[in-house]
């Protein structure tokens, strides 16, 4: 017999059948919590508190006498206070779908009234004003039936085949088209400039790329050429060094050969020439002595014999000098000095012999007189 009932969050529980706590209302309102209900003596109904929607499509005549079709959407619900719930419950509890129907009709009437006091230009350009005025005029009427409106949206305004709205928008449409064409031309120009700039950048990039590739190719070719020439260059350098060494060796060989020729040919030839010169000097001295001997009748036979043998003695001495292995340090001058020394020694020997034999020439020279004078 006893039952505990709880309404949903978007519902109001209406309990009828008792008198206590009603305060003049035909039922008790319970929201947000549960309550014990005597099933036999009480009756429970639920009223939705959720958001509902109503659509309006109404043909209205403006202040200018032009027919417009206005379409609007109304979002409404039952008020949360007890009075609104009681008012709505008394009217819609048995058929809650009627809330949307009645709300649509109420707003349709107010919409016709508001549009009839406005021009087409005001309606088109000031839709929010139209919605606000419709809401303000319908608030009191909606509150009487326990409903509140959350929003009203004017979806469209259509003049049908009249063409007034289209004509009204023609200047704006033309201006917009003109602005659109200008914007399109500017966009086209900007696109062309951007395309040209992009083409220039691509050309510059291609040129830079080509230059870099050419430089890289030149460096590669130069490196390859250097690498290819490295072997021949090294071989040429080696051959040049070999030729240089051979040239130096040939020069040294030539110098050595020259020294050998000097030692083997020139020096002996110089020695022979000096020997011949010494012989010539000895022969001249012999002839001089012979002439002096012929002029001096006091000369003895021994003196003549010595004079005759003196060239042979000098010749033998010179022959011995030519056959000897003598190292001459000063070349021809050294040979001359040796020969001159021999000749000097021979003459000294001759003078000694003369003085020993007591020849007139010797005596004259000892007395300080020139030879051959008596």
Protein backbone atom coordinates (compact mmCIF):
# COMPACT_ATOMS: atom_id res chain seq x y z
CA UNK A 1 0.00 0.00 0.00
CA UNK A 2 2.87 2.33 0.69
CA UNK A 3 5.28 3.15 -2.18
CA UNK A 4 8.25 5.45 -2.42
CA UNK A 5 8.35 7.28 -5.78
CA UNK A 6 11.22 9.37 -7.15
CA UNK A 7 10.97 11.67 -10.21
CA UNK A 8 13.69 11.90 -12.86
CA UNK A 9 16.02 14.94 -12.86
CA UNK A 10 14.08 16.50 -15.77
CA UNK A 11 10.64 15.66 -14.35
CA UNK A 12 8.26 17.02 -11.78
CA UNK A 13 6.18 14.49 -9.81
CA UNK A 14 2.55 15.58 -9.31
CA UNK A 15 0.70 13.82 -6.47
CA UNK A 16 -3.07 14.32 -6.35
CA UNK A 17 -5.79 12.99 -4.00
CA UNK A 18 -4.91 14.66 -0.72
CA UNK A 19 -5.62 18.03 0.78
CA UNK A 20 -2.67 18.61 3.11
CA UNK A 21 0.13 20.76 1.74
CA UNK A 22 -1.61 21.73 -1.51
CA UNK A 23 -2.01 25.47 -0.69
CA UNK A 24 -4.90 25.84 -3.11
CA UNK A 25 -3.32 23.69 -5.83
CA UNK A 26 -5.05 20.55 -7.14
CA UNK A 27 -1.88 18.45 -6.57
CA UNK A 28 1.40 18.40 -4.69
CA UNK A 29 4.58 19.08 -6.63
CA UNK A 30 7.72 17.07 -5.85
CA UNK A 31 11.06 17.74 -7.68
CA UNK A 32 14.61 16.67 -6.91
CA UNK A 33 13.65 14.06 -4.26
CA UNK A 34 11.21 11.20 -3.63
CA UNK A 35 8.07 10.85 -1.56
CA UNK A 36 5.90 8.10 -0.05
CA UNK A 37 2.66 7.69 -1.92
CA UNK A 38 -0.48 5.80 -0.79
CA UNK A 39 -1.33 3.89 -3.91
CA UNK A 40 -5.05 3.67 -3.13
CA UNK A 41 -5.61 7.17 -1.90
CA UNK A 42 -3.11 9.05 -4.06
CA UNK A 43 -2.40 9.30 -7.77
CA UNK A 44 1.03 10.13 -9.23
CA UNK A 45 1.72 11.81 -12.58
CA UNK A 46 5.00 13.11 -14.08
CA UNK A 47 5.41 16.40 -16.01
CA UNK A 48 8.52 16.86 -18.18
CA UNK A 49 10.83 19.74 -17.38
CA UNK A 50 13.10 19.05 -20.39
CA UNK A 51 13.74 21.47 -23.24
CA UNK A 52 11.11 21.44 -25.97
CA UNK A 53 11.11 22.87 -29.49
CA UNK A 54 8.49 24.52 -31.65
CA UNK A 55 8.80 25.56 -35.29
CA UNK A 56 6.93 28.45 -36.88
CA UNK A 57 6.46 29.10 -40.63
CA UNK A 58 4.10 32.04 -40.98
CA UNK A 59 3.22 34.32 -43.88
CA UNK A 60 3.26 37.90 -42.63
CA UNK A 61 2.53 41.24 -44.29
CA UNK A 62 4.99 44.06 -43.63
CA UNK A 63 4.29 47.68 -43.06
CA UNK A 64 4.80 48.23 -46.79
CA UNK A 65 2.19 45.62 -47.69
CA UNK A 66 4.73 43.07 -48.90
CA UNK A 67 4.06 39.46 -47.95
CA UNK A 68 6.96 37.68 -46.30
CA UNK A 69 7.28 34.12 -45.11
CA UNK A 70 9.10 33.98 -41.79
CA UNK A 71 10.50 30.78 -40.36
CA UNK A 72 11.53 30.62 -36.73
CA UNK A 73 12.49 28.06 -34.07
CA UNK A 74 11.49 28.47 -30.41
CA UNK A 75 13.25 26.67 -27.56
CA UNK A 76 11.09 26.55 -24.41
CA UNK A 77 10.41 24.50 -21.28
CA UNK A 78 8.23 24.36 -18.18
CA UNK A 79 9.43 26.77 -15.50
CA UNK A 80 11.27 25.32 -12.49
CA UNK A 81 9.16 27.11 -9.88
CA UNK A 82 6.09 25.47 -8.35
CA UNK A 83 3.66 28.00 -9.80
CA UNK A 84 4.87 27.39 -13.36
CA UNK A 85 4.72 23.63 -12.83
CA UNK A 86 1.17 23.85 -11.49
CA UNK A 87 0.06 26.08 -14.38
CA UNK A 88 1.66 23.83 -16.98
CA UNK A 89 0.39 20.68 -15.25
CA UNK A 90 -3.17 21.90 -15.26
CA UNK A 91 -2.98 22.63 -18.98
CA UNK A 92 -0.70 19.99 -20.47
CA UNK A 93 -0.42 17.06 -18.03
CA UNK A 94 -2.79 14.86 -19.99
CA UNK A 95 -1.31 15.80 -23.40
CA UNK A 96 2.16 17.28 -23.05
CA UNK A 97 2.71 17.46 -26.82
CA UNK A 98 0.26 20.31 -26.92
CA UNK A 99 2.90 22.55 -25.37
CA UNK A 100 4.78 22.74 -28.69
CA UNK A 101 1.58 23.29 -30.69
CA UNK A 102 0.30 26.05 -28.45
CA UNK A 103 3.71 27.73 -28.23
CA UNK A 104 4.00 27.77 -32.04
CA UNK A 105 0.61 29.36 -32.40
CA UNK A 106 1.37 31.99 -29.77
CA UNK A 107 4.63 32.96 -31.46
CA UNK A 108 3.04 32.94 -34.90
CA UNK A 109 0.56 35.55 -33.76
CA UNK A 110 3.16 37.74 -32.16
CA UNK A 111 5.40 37.33 -35.23
CA UNK A 112 2.65 38.55 -37.54
CA UNK A 113 2.01 41.52 -35.28
CA UNK A 114 5.67 42.53 -35.03
CA UNK A 115 6.40 42.07 -38.75
CA UNK A 116 3.32 44.10 -39.64
CA UNK A 117 4.86 47.09 -37.84
CA UNK A 118 8.24 46.87 -39.62
CA UNK A 119 9.52 47.44 -43.14
CA UNK A 120 11.24 44.82 -45.24
CA UNK A 121 14.56 46.61 -44.84
CA UNK A 122 14.25 46.57 -41.04
CA UNK A 123 13.21 42.93 -40.99
CA UNK A 124 16.10 41.88 -43.24
CA UNK A 125 18.75 44.00 -41.60
CA UNK A 126 17.55 43.78 -37.99
CA UNK A 127 16.54 40.20 -37.38
CA UNK A 128 17.77 40.28 -33.81
CA UNK A 129 15.51 43.22 -33.09
CA UNK A 130 12.56 41.29 -34.51
CA UNK A 131 13.37 38.26 -32.34
CA UNK A 132 13.77 40.40 -29.21
CA UNK A 133 10.43 42.14 -29.73
CA UNK A 134 8.64 38.83 -30.31
CA UNK A 135 10.15 37.42 -27.10
CA UNK A 136 9.27 40.46 -25.06
CA UNK A 137 5.63 40.45 -26.20
CA UNK A 138 5.21 36.71 -25.59
CA UNK A 139 6.82 36.44 -22.16
CA UNK A 140 3.70 37.32 -20.13
CA UNK A 141 1.46 35.05 -22.17
CA UNK A 142 3.88 32.17 -21.95
CA UNK A 143 4.23 32.64 -18.17
CA UNK A 144 0.50 32.26 -17.74
CA UNK A 145 0.66 28.72 -19.10
CA UNK A 146 3.78 27.91 -17.06
CA UNK A 147 6.31 28.03 -19.93
CA UNK A 148 9.51 30.03 -20.36
CA UNK A 149 11.34 30.66 -23.64
CA UNK A 150 15.09 30.13 -23.72
CA UNK A 151 15.67 31.36 -27.28
CA UNK A 152 14.02 32.42 -30.51
CA UNK A 153 15.88 32.12 -33.80
CA UNK A 154 14.62 33.66 -37.07
CA UNK A 155 15.78 31.12 -39.60
CA UNK A 156 14.72 32.79 -42.85
CA UNK A 157 12.77 35.63 -44.39
CA UNK A 158 11.41 34.94 -47.89
CA UNK A 159 9.36 37.23 -50.14
CA UNK A 160 8.46 34.46 -52.60
CA UNK A 161 8.15 35.64 -56.20
CA UNK A 162 7.95 39.31 -55.30
CA UNK A 163 11.67 39.87 -55.78
CA UNK A 164 11.72 42.80 -53.38
CA UNK A 165 14.50 41.45 -51.24
CA UNK A 166 16.52 40.57 -54.36
CA UNK A 167 16.01 44.06 -55.77
CA UNK A 168 16.88 45.58 -52.43
CA UNK A 169 20.07 43.59 -52.32
CA UNK A 170 20.98 44.29 -55.96
CA UNK A 171 23.11 47.41 -55.23
CA UNK A 172 24.81 45.66 -52.38
CA UNK A 173 25.24 42.57 -54.53
CA UNK A 174 26.71 44.70 -57.31
CA UNK A 175 29.03 46.42 -54.86
CA UNK A 176 29.98 43.10 -53.43
CA UNK A 177 30.53 41.68 -56.92
CA UNK A 178 32.61 44.73 -57.78
CA UNK A 179 34.62 44.33 -54.64
CA UNK A 180 34.87 40.65 -55.36
CA UNK A 181 36.13 41.36 -58.88
CA UNK A 182 38.61 43.88 -57.52
CA UNK A 183 39.70 41.43 -54.91
CA UNK A 184 39.90 38.73 -57.58
CA UNK A 185 41.97 41.01 -59.82
CA UNK A 186 44.23 41.88 -56.92
CA UNK A 187 44.48 38.24 -56.02
CA UNK A 188 45.23 37.38 -59.66
CA UNK A 189 47.87 40.12 -59.82
CA UNK A 190 49.34 38.98 -56.53
CA UNK A 191 49.31 35.41 -57.78
CA UNK A 192 51.00 36.49 -61.03
CA UNK A 193 53.61 38.47 -59.10
CA UNK A 194 54.13 35.56 -56.75
CA UNK A 195 54.42 33.23 -59.72
CA UNK A 196 56.92 35.55 -61.41
CA UNK A 197 58.86 35.90 -58.19
CA UNK A 198 58.80 32.15 -57.78
CA UNK A 199 59.98 31.74 -61.37
CA UNK A 200 62.79 34.24 -60.75
CA UNK A 201 63.78 32.46 -57.59
CA UNK A 202 63.69 29.13 -59.40
CA UNK A 203 65.81 30.60 -62.21
CA UNK A 204 68.26 32.06 -59.68
CA UNK A 205 68.37 28.76 -57.87
CA UNK A 206 68.90 26.92 -61.14
CA UNK A 207 71.66 29.38 -62.09
CA UNK A 208 73.34 29.04 -58.70
CA UNK A 209 72.98 25.29 -58.93
CA UNK A 210 74.50 25.29 -62.41
CA UNK A 211 77.38 27.50 -61.23
CA UNK A 212 78.02 25.27 -58.24
CA UNK A 213 77.83 22.16 -60.44
CA UNK A 214 80.22 23.75 -62.94
CA UNK A 215 82.63 24.69 -60.17
CA UNK A 216 82.39 21.22 -58.71
CA UNK A 217 82.89 19.65 -62.15
CA UNK A 218 85.89 21.93 -62.76
CA UNK A 219 87.39 20.99 -59.41
CA UNK A 220 86.80 17.30 -60.12
CA UNK A 221 88.33 17.63 -63.61
CA UNK A 222 91.28 19.57 -62.20
CA UNK A 223 91.80 16.97 -59.49
CA UNK A 224 91.54 14.17 -62.05
CA UNK A 225 93.97 15.98 -64.37
CA UNK A 226 96.40 16.50 -61.50
CA UNK A 227 96.02 12.87 -60.52
CA UNK A 228 96.54 11.81 -64.14
CA UNK A 229 99.60 14.06 -64.45
CA UNK A 230 101.03 13.05 -61.10
CA UNK A 231 102.56 9.85 -62.49
CA UNK A 232 104.14 11.40 -65.61
CA UNK A 233 105.29 14.43 -63.62
CA UNK A 234 106.89 12.20 -61.02
CA UNK A 235 108.49 10.14 -63.76
CA UNK A 236 109.69 13.30 -65.52
CA UNK A 237 111.09 14.64 -62.24
CA UNK A 238 112.82 11.31 -61.66
CA UNK A 239 114.21 11.31 -65.20
CA UNK A 240 115.32 14.92 -64.76
CA UNK A 241 117.08 14.00 -61.55
CA UNK A 242 118.69 11.02 -63.34
CA UNK A 243 119.79 13.28 -66.21
CA UNK A 244 121.11 15.82 -63.73
CA UNK A 245 123.05 13.11 -61.92
CA UNK A 246 124.30 11.73 -65.24
CA UNK A 247 125.30 15.23 -66.34
CA UNK A 248 127.18 15.81 -63.13
CA UNK A 249 128.79 12.37 -63.50
CA UNK A 250 129.74 13.17 -67.11
CA UNK A 251 131.17 16.51 -66.02
CA UNK A 252 133.16 14.82 -63.30
CA UNK A 253 134.30 12.16 -65.80
CA UNK A 254 135.28 14.89 -68.26
CA UNK A 255 137.18 16.73 -65.55
CA UNK A 256 138.87 13.49 -64.55
CA UNK A 257 139.65 12.71 -68.19
CA UNK A 258 140.99 16.23 -68.63
CA UNK A 259 143.19 15.73 -65.60
CA UNK A 260 144.29 12.36 -66.99
CA UNK A 261 145.06 13.95 -70.36
CA UNK A 262 146.99 16.70 -68.63
CA UNK A 263 148.91 14.12 -66.65
CA UNK A 264 149.37 11.73 -69.59
CA UNK A 265 149.84 14.10 -72.55
CA UNK A 266 150.25 17.72 -71.57
CA UNK A 267 152.70 17.23 -68.72
CA UNK A 268 154.93 14.85 -70.64
CA UNK A 269 154.77 17.18 -73.67
CA UNK A 270 155.71 20.13 -71.49
CA UNK A 271 158.54 18.09 -69.97
CA UNK A 272 159.75 17.11 -73.44
CA UNK A 273 159.59 20.73 -74.60
CA UNK A 274 161.56 21.81 -71.58
CA UNK A 275 164.10 19.06 -72.25
CA UNK A 276 164.47 20.23 -75.82
CA UNK A 277 164.85 23.80 -74.62
CA UNK A 278 167.51 22.75 -72.13
CA UNK A 279 169.35 20.82 -74.88
CA UNK A 280 169.12 23.86 -77.11
CA UNK A 281 170.54 26.04 -74.38
CA UNK A 282 173.32 23.51 -73.75
CA UNK A 283 174.08 23.31 -77.44
CA UNK A 284 174.23 27.08 -77.63
CA UNK A 285 176.49 27.18 -74.64
CA UNK A 286 178.71 24.49 -76.23
CA UNK A 287 178.99 26.46 -79.39
CA UNK A 288 179.82 29.55 -77.37
CA UNK A 289 182.47 27.67 -75.45
CA UNK A 290 183.84 26.24 -78.68
CA UNK A 291 184.01 29.71 -80.12
CA UNK A 292 185.78 30.97 -77.03
CA UNK A 293 188.11 27.97 -77.15
CA UNK A 294 188.90 28.62 -80.78
CA UNK A 295 189.68 32.22 -79.94
CA UNK A 296 191.88 31.27 -77.00
CA UNK A 297 195.07 29.42 -78.18
CA UNK A 298 196.09 28.82 -74.56
CA UNK A 299 193.29 26.36 -73.99
CA UNK A 300 194.53 22.86 -73.31
CA UNK A 301 193.33 19.64 -74.90
CA UNK A 302 191.67 18.56 -71.65
CA UNK A 303 189.51 21.68 -71.62
CA UNK A 304 188.44 20.93 -75.19
CA UNK A 305 187.64 17.37 -74.26
CA UNK A 306 185.48 18.49 -71.36
CA UNK A 307 183.73 21.03 -73.48
CA UNK A 308 183.02 18.38 -76.08
CA UNK A 309 181.60 16.03 -73.42
CA UNK A 310 179.50 18.70 -71.66
CA UNK A 311 176.46 18.56 -74.05
CA UNK A 312 176.41 14.80 -73.74
CA UNK A 313 176.39 15.11 -69.96
CA UNK A 314 173.52 17.59 -70.04
CA UNK A 315 171.66 15.43 -72.57
CA UNK A 316 171.99 12.40 -70.35
CA UNK A 317 170.77 14.43 -67.40
CA UNK A 318 167.79 15.70 -69.37
CA UNK A 319 167.07 12.17 -70.64
CA UNK A 320 167.08 10.87 -67.12
CA UNK A 321 164.66 13.64 -66.14
CA UNK A 322 162.28 12.77 -68.98
CA UNK A 323 162.21 9.08 -68.05
CA UNK A 324 161.77 9.74 -64.37
CA UNK A 325 158.30 9.63 -62.72
CA UNK A 326 158.33 13.16 -61.35
CA UNK A 327 155.27 14.82 -59.77
CA UNK A 328 155.30 18.39 -60.96
CA UNK A 329 153.18 20.61 -58.77
CA UNK A 330 153.41 23.82 -60.76
CA UNK A 331 152.97 22.42 -64.32
CA UNK A 332 155.22 23.86 -66.94
CA UNK A 333 156.68 26.32 -64.46
CA UNK A 334 157.77 23.45 -62.25
CA UNK A 335 159.42 21.69 -65.17
CA UNK A 336 161.15 24.91 -66.16
CA UNK A 337 162.46 25.34 -62.66
CA UNK A 338 163.88 21.77 -62.66
CA UNK A 339 165.48 22.20 -66.08
CA UNK A 340 166.85 25.59 -65.16
CA UNK A 341 168.35 24.06 -62.03
CA UNK A 342 170.04 21.33 -64.09
CA UNK A 343 171.42 23.82 -66.55
CA UNK A 344 172.65 25.98 -63.68
CA UNK A 345 174.32 22.99 -62.13
CA UNK A 346 175.97 22.10 -65.45
CA UNK A 347 177.31 25.59 -65.91
CA UNK A 348 178.56 25.60 -62.33
CA UNK A 349 180.40 22.32 -63.00
CA UNK A 350 181.86 23.81 -66.18
CA UNK A 351 183.13 26.87 -64.32
CA UNK A 352 184.70 24.70 -61.67
CA UNK A 353 186.50 22.65 -64.31
CA UNK A 354 187.75 25.79 -65.99
CA UNK A 355 189.11 27.17 -62.73
CA UNK A 356 190.75 23.88 -61.89
CA UNK A 357 192.51 23.60 -65.22
CA UNK A 358 193.78 27.13 -65.10
CA UNK A 359 192.36 28.18 -68.46
CA UNK A 360 192.84 31.72 -69.49
CA UNK A 361 189.11 32.29 -69.30
CA UNK A 362 189.09 30.89 -65.79
CA UNK A 363 191.92 32.97 -64.74
CA UNK A 364 190.44 36.03 -66.30
CA UNK A 365 187.13 35.48 -64.48
CA UNK A 366 188.95 34.91 -61.23
CA UNK A 367 190.85 38.17 -61.78
CA UNK A 368 187.59 39.95 -62.50
CA UNK A 369 188.32 40.45 -66.20
CA UNK A 370 185.98 39.39 -68.98
CA UNK A 371 186.84 36.20 -70.82
CA UNK A 372 188.59 36.39 -74.24
CA UNK A 373 190.47 39.59 -73.45
CA UNK A 374 194.24 39.51 -73.01
